Amino acid sequence: MKAKLFFLSFVLVLSLPTSAFGQIDYKKLHFDALVADTHNDVVQRILNGEDISVRTYHGHSDLPRFREGGVDVEMFSIWVPPERSSRSYYDQSNEQIDSIVSLVQRNSWQVGMARSVDDIEKLFAEGKFVAMLGLEGGHHIEDDLKKLKHLYSRGVRYMTLTWNNSSGWASSAHDESDPSVKLKQRGLTEFGTQVVKKMNELGMMVDLSHVGEQTFWDVLKVTTKPVIASHSSAWALCHHWRNLKDDQLKAIAKNGGVVFINFAPWFIDSTFEAKDNALKERNKARVDSLRVAKGSHDFLRGVAVAEFLKDEYLSIRPPLSLLIDHFDYVATLIGVDHVGIGSDFDGISVAPLDMDDVTFLPSITRELLKRGYSRLDITKILGGNFMRVFRANSN
């Protein structure tokens, strides 16, 4: 009985009708499947005073658009900038969690919060949008396993061990790849090993997006549960320090984990960064004025610049085919059971063409069908693989 509801959803998907021309109806396939996205940063917009329970007409997501895009499960990123402030990272994390709890409570007729596979299956069967929580960066727990345990009790079901900054117990991909950064230690410390073991014990997924290569390999020596990369892409196609190399992808598959593909143009198109820099230089006066207006908040500045230069970005945004190439590459290299969606929507200022916001997610299903993926394989990529790895981590 444990996975009965989800199994029934697979049965429905696999019996979908085809069109008069013998082609699968991609929209029906998409909306009948359970669709899960493991990384979305819209909490940052909520903190800025936006109400995402109504259509917002900017950014990438809100409740109406989640529904229009067929998103059933969204893992909201809890992220506090690592800059020093008078308020603790941990306290700010709890406030961000409060914002999602409030969103769920105010919209309980259409939204529920899930802490378990059973919760997801129940809410999915009821036709409700499922909110979940992921913690982005180990600095939030402030070197305290009790705080990690408390955040788990509040619903956090994965922790990205580092953000771009290294914690005192794990080194990040940014810091390991930047020769100007002088790290005291690469990889996990003894306390970092304790963190991974505690996450395994609790049932909190270990997320290896953002971590350095040494941290990556140290974790795989310690973990007893399948890991995830909640929002990463393939280094072989785009040599960005945030992406995963082939040996890392193969190791995740061997571990039973899943790589959730990031939509950021910088991570999928090796030519994008140079084009982006040139575009901003050509529009330097306008960009600088927006930076001044938005103050020191990097996220808000980036969003403002992207929206202001929307027409200019049309000429350099990568085609959707490059994003699908990353799904295809990972699935071909390590198997279709080990790839999923980790959009990073609202954490990226620019998205690929034909992927303007969450309402465009059915385009992924359409393009995977064009590349010859079966119905079953597509349902795995859309959400089945997430359910499997989440179940494998649950206690």
Protein backbone atom coordinates (compact mmCIF):
# COMPACT_ATOMS: atom_id res chain seq x y z
CA MET A 1 0.00 0.00 0.00
CA LYS A 2 2.95 2.36 0.60
CA ALA A 3 3.18 3.73 -2.94
CA LYS A 4 -0.33 2.85 -4.08
CA LEU A 5 -1.49 6.33 -5.07
CA PHE A 6 1.70 7.12 -6.93
CA PHE A 7 1.61 3.73 -8.68
CA LEU A 8 -1.94 4.45 -9.82
CA SER A 9 -0.76 7.75 -11.29
CA PHE A 10 1.81 5.83 -13.35
CA VAL A 11 -0.91 3.47 -14.58
CA LEU A 12 -2.99 6.44 -15.70
CA VAL A 13 -0.05 8.03 -17.47
CA LEU A 14 0.92 4.85 -19.29
CA SER A 15 -2.63 4.45 -20.64
CA LEU A 16 -2.74 7.94 -22.14
CA PRO A 17 -4.38 8.32 -25.55
CA THR A 18 -2.52 9.35 -28.67
CA SER A 19 -3.60 11.84 -31.29
CA ALA A 20 -5.19 10.87 -34.58
CA PHE A 21 -1.68 10.80 -36.03
CA GLY A 22 -0.43 8.27 -33.51
CA GLN A 23 1.52 10.84 -31.51
CA ILE A 24 1.37 11.10 -27.73
CA ASP A 25 -0.48 14.15 -26.38
CA TYR A 26 2.43 15.79 -24.53
CA LYS A 27 0.22 18.14 -22.54
CA LYS A 28 -1.93 15.33 -21.22
CA LEU A 29 1.16 13.29 -20.40
CA HIS A 30 2.65 16.25 -18.54
CA PHE A 31 -0.43 17.19 -16.55
CA ASP A 32 -1.35 13.61 -15.64
CA ALA A 33 2.16 12.86 -14.36
CA LEU A 34 3.45 13.92 -10.97
CA VAL A 35 5.82 16.84 -11.70
CA ALA A 36 8.41 17.80 -9.09
CA ASP A 37 10.94 20.64 -9.16
CA THR A 38 13.65 20.49 -6.52
CA HIS A 39 14.80 24.10 -6.48
CA ASN A 40 12.95 27.42 -6.63
CA ASP A 41 14.03 30.71 -5.02
CA VAL A 42 10.71 32.57 -5.01
CA VAL A 43 10.99 32.91 -1.21
CA GLN A 44 13.34 35.83 -1.92
CA ARG A 45 10.49 37.60 -3.68
CA ILE A 46 8.12 36.82 -0.81
CA LEU A 47 10.63 38.44 1.57
CA ASN A 48 10.53 41.49 -0.68
CA GLY A 49 6.80 41.84 0.03
CA GLU A 50 5.24 39.97 -2.89
CA ASP A 51 2.12 37.85 -2.54
CA ILE A 52 2.67 34.82 -4.76
CA SER A 53 -0.79 33.41 -4.07
CA VAL A 54 -1.94 35.66 -6.93
CA ARG A 55 -0.54 36.16 -10.42
CA THR A 56 2.42 38.51 -10.22
CA TYR A 57 3.28 39.04 -13.92
CA HIS A 58 7.02 39.13 -13.32
CA GLY A 59 9.65 36.77 -12.03
CA HIS A 60 9.20 33.10 -12.84
CA SER A 61 6.59 31.73 -10.46
CA ASP A 62 3.52 32.13 -8.29
CA LEU A 63 0.71 29.78 -7.33
CA PRO A 64 -1.46 30.38 -10.42
CA ARG A 65 1.53 29.83 -12.68
CA PHE A 66 2.70 26.72 -10.82
CA ARG A 67 -0.70 25.21 -11.57
CA GLU A 68 -0.62 26.32 -15.21
CA GLY A 69 2.81 24.70 -15.62
CA GLY A 70 1.60 21.42 -14.17
CA VAL A 71 3.94 21.63 -11.17
CA ASP A 72 2.69 19.33 -8.41
CA VAL A 73 5.63 19.39 -5.99
CA GLU A 74 7.88 22.41 -5.45
CA MET A 75 10.84 22.49 -3.10
CA PHE A 76 11.24 26.08 -1.98
CA SER A 77 14.80 27.14 -1.27
CA ILE A 78 15.51 28.60 2.15
CA TRP A 79 18.57 30.77 1.53
CA VAL A 80 20.19 33.51 3.58
CA PRO A 81 23.08 35.49 2.02
CA PRO A 82 26.30 34.50 3.83
CA GLU A 83 27.36 38.10 4.45
CA ARG A 84 27.81 39.00 8.09
CA SER A 85 24.79 40.67 9.70
CA SER A 86 23.44 41.37 13.17
CA ARG A 87 20.83 38.62 12.72
CA SER A 88 21.77 34.95 12.76
CA TYR A 89 21.46 32.79 9.66
CA TYR A 90 19.44 30.30 11.67
CA ASP A 91 16.87 32.88 12.82
CA GLN A 92 16.49 34.18 9.27
CA SER A 93 16.03 30.61 8.02
CA ASN A 94 13.17 30.10 10.43
CA GLU A 95 11.56 33.35 9.31
CA GLN A 96 11.71 32.19 5.70
CA ILE A 97 10.13 28.89 6.67
CA ASP A 98 7.42 30.90 8.43
CA SER A 99 6.70 32.67 5.13
CA ILE A 100 6.00 29.37 3.36
CA VAL A 101 3.95 28.04 6.29
CA SER A 102 1.88 31.22 6.11
CA LEU A 103 1.43 30.83 2.34
CA VAL A 104 0.17 27.28 2.84
CA GLN A 105 -2.18 28.24 5.67
CA ARG A 106 -3.68 31.15 3.71
CA ASN A 107 -4.28 28.90 0.71
CA SER A 108 -5.08 25.59 2.39
CA TRP A 109 -7.89 24.87 -0.05
CA GLN A 110 -5.32 24.45 -2.85
CA VAL A 111 -1.93 23.99 -1.15
CA GLY A 112 -0.50 21.57 1.42
CA MET A 113 2.94 21.11 2.96
CA ALA A 114 4.56 17.69 2.70
CA ARG A 115 7.11 16.14 5.03
CA SER A 116 6.87 12.57 3.72
CA VAL A 117 6.18 10.51 0.61
CA ASP A 118 2.78 9.64 2.04
CA ASP A 119 2.00 13.37 2.41
CA ILE A 120 2.87 13.96 -1.24
CA GLU A 121 0.75 11.08 -2.47
CA LYS A 122 -2.23 12.20 -0.40
CA LEU A 123 -2.03 15.83 -1.54
CA PHE A 124 -1.43 14.82 -5.15
CA ALA A 125 -4.52 12.59 -5.06
CA GLU A 126 -6.51 15.56 -3.69
CA GLY A 127 -5.33 17.75 -6.55
CA LYS A 128 -3.44 20.12 -4.27
CA PHE A 129 -0.13 21.87 -4.91
CA VAL A 130 2.59 20.42 -2.68
CA ALA A 131 5.03 22.76 -0.92
CA MET A 132 8.30 21.39 0.43
CA LEU A 133 11.45 22.93 1.88
CA GLY A 134 15.13 22.72 0.99
CA LEU A 135 17.92 24.51 2.88
CA GLU A 136 20.58 26.06 0.63
CA GLY A 137 23.89 26.28 2.45
CA GLY A 138 25.28 24.65 5.57
CA HIS A 139 25.99 28.04 7.16
CA HIS A 140 22.35 28.16 8.27
CA ILE A 141 22.85 25.54 10.99
CA GLU A 142 25.69 27.55 12.57
CA ASP A 143 27.77 24.46 13.38
CA ASP A 144 25.02 23.06 15.60
CA LEU A 145 23.44 19.64 14.99
CA LYS A 146 20.53 20.61 17.25
CA LYS A 147 19.67 23.41 14.82
CA LEU A 148 19.87 20.95 11.94
CA LYS A 149 17.44 18.67 13.77
CA HIS A 150 15.07 21.57 14.49
CA LEU A 151 15.02 22.64 10.84
CA TYR A 152 14.21 19.05 9.88
CA SER A 153 11.33 19.12 12.38
CA ARG A 154 10.02 22.20 10.58
CA GLY A 155 9.89 20.36 7.26
CA VAL A 156 13.32 20.85 5.65
CA ARG A 157 13.95 17.72 3.59
CA TYR A 158 17.27 18.47 1.98
CA MET A 159 20.27 20.62 2.78
CA THR A 160 22.73 21.84 0.17
CA LEU A 161 25.93 21.43 2.17
CA THR A 162 27.40 24.68 0.89
CA TRP A 163 26.28 27.62 -1.16
CA ASN A 164 29.00 29.48 -3.09
CA ASN A 165 30.62 30.15 0.28
CA SER A 166 32.40 27.42 2.23
CA SER A 167 31.23 26.65 5.72
CA GLY A 168 33.68 25.85 8.49
CA TRP A 169 33.12 22.16 7.77
CA ALA A 170 32.69 21.83 3.99
CA SER A 171 34.34 23.56 1.02
CA SER A 172 32.30 24.92 -1.87
CA ALA A 173 32.76 24.52 -5.63
CA HIS A 174 33.31 28.26 -5.92
CA ASP A 175 36.08 28.34 -3.33
CA GLU A 176 37.75 25.13 -4.49
CA SER A 177 37.88 26.41 -8.09
CA ASP A 178 39.02 29.97 -7.30
CA PRO A 179 42.83 30.11 -6.82
CA SER A 180 42.53 33.43 -4.98
CA VAL A 181 40.58 31.76 -2.16
CA LYS A 182 42.81 30.35 0.55
CA LEU A 183 40.98 27.45 2.14
CA LYS A 184 42.02 26.12 5.52
CA GLN A 185 40.75 22.70 4.48
CA ARG A 186 39.22 21.16 1.39
CA GLY A 187 36.35 18.73 1.70
CA LEU A 188 34.58 17.66 4.87
CA THR A 189 35.97 18.18 8.35
CA GLU A 190 35.21 15.75 11.16
CA PHE A 191 32.18 17.87 12.04
CA GLY A 192 31.12 17.81 8.39
CA THR A 193 31.14 14.03 8.53
CA GLN A 194 28.89 14.23 11.61
CA VAL A 195 26.50 16.50 9.68
CA VAL A 196 26.17 14.00 6.82
CA LYS A 197 25.61 11.12 9.24
CA LYS A 198 22.96 13.12 11.14
CA MET A 199 21.18 13.96 7.88
CA ASN A 200 21.12 10.26 6.98
CA GLU A 201 19.76 9.47 10.43
CA LEU A 202 17.04 12.12 10.23
CA GLY A 203 15.98 11.34 6.67
CA MET A 204 17.16 14.65 5.22
CA MET A 205 18.55 14.34 1.69
CA VAL A 206 22.19 15.36 1.24
CA ASP A 207 22.39 17.85 -1.62
CA LEU A 208 25.70 18.09 -3.49
CA SER A 209 24.91 21.06 -5.74
CA HIS A 210 27.36 23.90 -5.00
CA VAL A 211 29.88 21.69 -3.15
CA GLY A 212 33.53 21.39 -4.17
CA GLU A 213 34.89 18.24 -5.75
CA GLN A 214 36.75 17.21 -2.59
CA THR A 215 33.59 17.70 -0.52
CA PHE A 216 31.65 15.71 -3.12
CA TRP A 217 33.95 12.68 -2.86
CA ASP A 218 34.20 12.92 0.92
CA VAL A 219 30.40 12.82 1.21
CA LEU A 220 30.11 9.71 -0.95
CA LYS A 221 32.53 7.91 1.38
CA VAL A 222 30.29 8.73 4.36
CA THR A 223 26.65 8.69 3.26
CA THR A 224 24.54 5.58 3.63
CA LYS A 225 21.63 7.08 1.65
CA PRO A 226 21.25 8.21 -1.97
CA VAL A 227 22.33 11.81 -2.53
CA ILE A 228 20.88 14.47 -4.81
CA ALA A 229 22.19 17.41 -6.78
CA SER A 230 19.14 19.65 -6.51
CA HIS A 231 20.11 22.14 -9.23
CA SER A 232 23.15 21.26 -11.33
CA SER A 233 23.93 20.54 -14.98
CA ALA A 234 26.54 18.67 -17.01
CA TRP A 235 30.15 19.93 -17.05
CA ALA A 236 30.89 18.05 -20.28
CA LEU A 237 28.46 20.32 -22.14
CA CYS A 238 29.29 23.53 -20.28
CA HIS A 239 32.54 23.89 -18.34
CA HIS A 240 31.16 25.86 -15.40
CA TRP A 241 32.45 25.21 -11.89
CA ARG A 242 28.87 24.67 -10.70
CA ASN A 243 28.35 21.73 -13.03
CA LEU A 244 29.08 18.04 -12.46
CA LYS A 245 31.80 16.14 -14.29
CA ASP A 246 31.23 12.70 -15.78
CA ASP A 247 32.92 10.83 -12.92
CA GLN A 248 30.71 12.70 -10.45
CA LEU A 249 27.57 11.90 -12.43
CA LYS A 250 28.52 8.23 -12.56
CA ALA A 251 29.20 8.20 -8.82
CA ILE A 252 25.77 9.69 -8.09
CA ALA A 253 24.15 6.97 -10.18
CA LYS A 254 26.16 4.26 -8.42
CA ASN A 255 24.99 5.73 -5.10
CA GLY A 256 21.35 5.58 -6.29
CA GLY A 257 21.00 9.36 -6.34
CA VAL A 258 19.49 11.84 -8.78
CA VAL A 259 20.79 14.90 -10.64
CA PHE A 260 18.17 17.62 -11.10
CA ILE A 261 19.00 19.82 -14.10
CA ASN A 262 19.48 23.56 -13.57
CA PHE A 263 17.99 25.94 -16.18
CA ALA A 264 20.48 28.82 -15.69
CA PRO A 265 21.93 29.88 -19.08
CA TRP A 266 25.38 30.19 -17.49
CA PHE A 267 25.25 26.47 -16.64
CA ILE A 268 23.88 25.13 -19.93
CA ASP A 269 25.47 27.34 -22.60
CA SER A 270 29.26 27.73 -22.65
CA THR A 271 28.96 30.90 -24.77
CA PHE A 272 26.43 32.71 -22.62
CA GLU A 273 28.68 34.33 -20.00
CA ALA A 274 30.71 36.26 -22.57
CA LYS A 275 27.54 37.39 -24.35
CA ASP A 276 25.99 38.44 -21.06
CA ASN A 277 29.03 40.49 -20.06
CA ALA A 278 29.12 42.19 -23.46
CA LEU A 279 25.41 43.01 -23.29
CA LYS A 280 25.80 44.58 -19.86
CA GLU A 281 28.83 46.57 -21.01
CA ARG A 282 26.88 47.95 -23.98
CA ASN A 283 24.15 49.04 -21.56
CA LYS A 284 26.49 50.07 -18.75
CA ALA A 285 24.80 53.37 -17.85
CA ARG A 286 21.37 51.77 -17.49
CA VAL A 287 22.78 48.77 -15.61
CA ASP A 288 24.69 50.99 -13.19
CA SER A 289 21.60 53.09 -12.48
CA LEU A 290 19.62 49.97 -11.59
CA ARG A 291 22.40 48.70 -9.37
CA VAL A 292 22.34 51.93 -7.42
CA ALA A 293 18.54 51.83 -7.15
CA LYS A 294 18.52 48.25 -5.83
CA GLY A 295 21.35 48.78 -3.33
CA SER A 296 23.53 45.88 -2.22
CA HIS A 297 21.07 43.05 -2.83
CA ASP A 298 22.66 41.04 -5.69
CA PHE A 299 19.52 39.02 -6.34
CA LEU A 300 17.22 42.04 -6.71
CA ARG A 301 19.79 43.86 -8.86
CA GLY A 302 20.11 40.91 -11.23
CA VAL A 303 16.35 40.54 -11.61
CA ALA A 304 15.91 44.27 -12.22
CA VAL A 305 18.62 44.33 -14.89
CA ALA A 306 17.17 41.26 -16.66
CA GLU A 307 13.66 42.71 -16.70
CA PHE A 308 14.87 46.14 -17.85
CA LEU A 309 16.93 44.63 -20.69
CA LYS A 310 14.38 41.96 -21.57
CA ASP A 311 14.33 42.74 -25.29
CA GLU A 312 18.13 42.81 -25.51
CA TYR A 313 18.39 39.42 -23.80
CA LEU A 314 16.20 37.80 -26.47
CA SER A 315 19.17 37.77 -28.83
CA ILE A 316 21.50 35.90 -26.46
CA ARG A 317 19.27 33.58 -24.42
CA PRO A 318 20.16 29.96 -25.23
CA PRO A 319 17.63 27.86 -27.15
CA LEU A 320 15.54 25.32 -25.28
CA SER A 321 17.39 22.57 -27.15
CA LEU A 322 20.56 23.27 -25.12
CA LEU A 323 18.67 22.75 -21.87
CA ILE A 324 17.22 19.48 -23.16
CA ASP A 325 20.74 18.45 -24.20
CA HIS A 326 21.69 18.40 -20.49
CA PHE A 327 18.73 16.17 -19.59
CA ASP A 328 19.62 13.92 -22.52
CA TYR A 329 23.34 13.82 -21.73
CA VAL A 330 22.84 12.82 -18.09
CA ALA A 331 20.14 10.26 -18.94
CA THR A 332 22.33 8.71 -21.64
CA LEU A 333 25.48 8.64 -19.48
CA ILE A 334 24.07 7.33 -16.20
CA GLY A 335 20.51 6.21 -16.92
CA VAL A 336 17.08 7.77 -17.04
CA ASP A 337 16.51 6.80 -13.39
CA HIS A 338 18.98 9.45 -12.26
CA VAL A 339 17.79 12.73 -13.79
CA GLY A 340 15.07 15.22 -12.87
CA ILE A 341 14.06 18.90 -12.82
CA GLY A 342 15.85 21.46 -10.61
CA SER A 343 14.92 24.68 -12.40
CA ASP A 344 16.40 27.35 -10.09
CA PHE A 345 13.52 29.57 -11.20
CA ASP A 346 13.47 32.93 -9.40
CA GLY A 347 17.07 32.28 -8.41
CA ILE A 348 18.20 32.98 -11.97
CA SER A 349 17.64 36.32 -13.66
CA VAL A 350 17.47 34.92 -17.20
CA ALA A 351 16.05 31.64 -18.53
CA PRO A 352 16.39 29.81 -21.86
CA LEU A 353 14.08 30.63 -24.75
CA ASP A 354 10.71 28.85 -24.59
CA MET A 355 11.21 28.50 -20.83
CA ASP A 356 10.18 31.98 -19.70
CA ASP A 357 8.62 30.82 -16.44
CA VAL A 358 7.05 27.77 -14.78
CA THR A 359 4.11 27.80 -17.21
CA PHE A 360 6.54 26.62 -19.91
CA LEU A 361 7.51 23.37 -18.15
CA PRO A 362 5.32 21.24 -20.48
CA SER A 363 7.86 22.15 -23.18
CA ILE A 364 10.28 19.75 -21.47
CA THR A 365 7.82 16.89 -21.89
CA ARG A 366 7.25 17.86 -25.53
CA GLU A 367 10.96 17.94 -26.33
CA LEU A 368 11.74 14.68 -24.53
CA LEU A 369 9.02 12.99 -26.58
CA LYS A 370 10.57 14.38 -29.75
CA ARG A 371 13.89 12.82 -28.74
CA GLY A 372 12.30 9.41 -28.41
CA TYR A 373 11.84 9.08 -24.64
CA SER A 374 9.04 6.73 -23.61
CA ARG A 375 6.07 7.73 -21.50
CA LEU A 376 7.47 5.83 -18.53
CA ASP A 377 10.90 7.40 -18.84
CA ILE A 378 9.40 10.88 -19.04
CA THR A 379 7.29 10.32 -15.93
CA LYS A 380 10.48 9.30 -14.12
CA ILE A 381 12.23 12.51 -15.16
CA LEU A 382 9.23 14.69 -14.34
CA GLY A 383 8.78 13.38 -10.81
CA GLY A 384 9.16 9.65 -10.43
CA ASN A 385 12.89 9.83 -9.75
CA PHE A 386 12.35 12.47 -7.10
CA MET A 387 9.81 10.26 -5.36
CA ARG A 388 12.19 7.31 -5.44
CA VAL A 389 15.16 9.16 -3.95
CA PHE A 390 12.99 10.89 -1.36
CA ARG A 391 11.51 7.54 -0.33
CA ALA A 392 14.99 6.01 -0.10
CA ASN A 393 16.05 8.76 2.32
CA SER A 394 12.93 8.61 4.47
CA ASN A 395 12.99 6.93 7.85
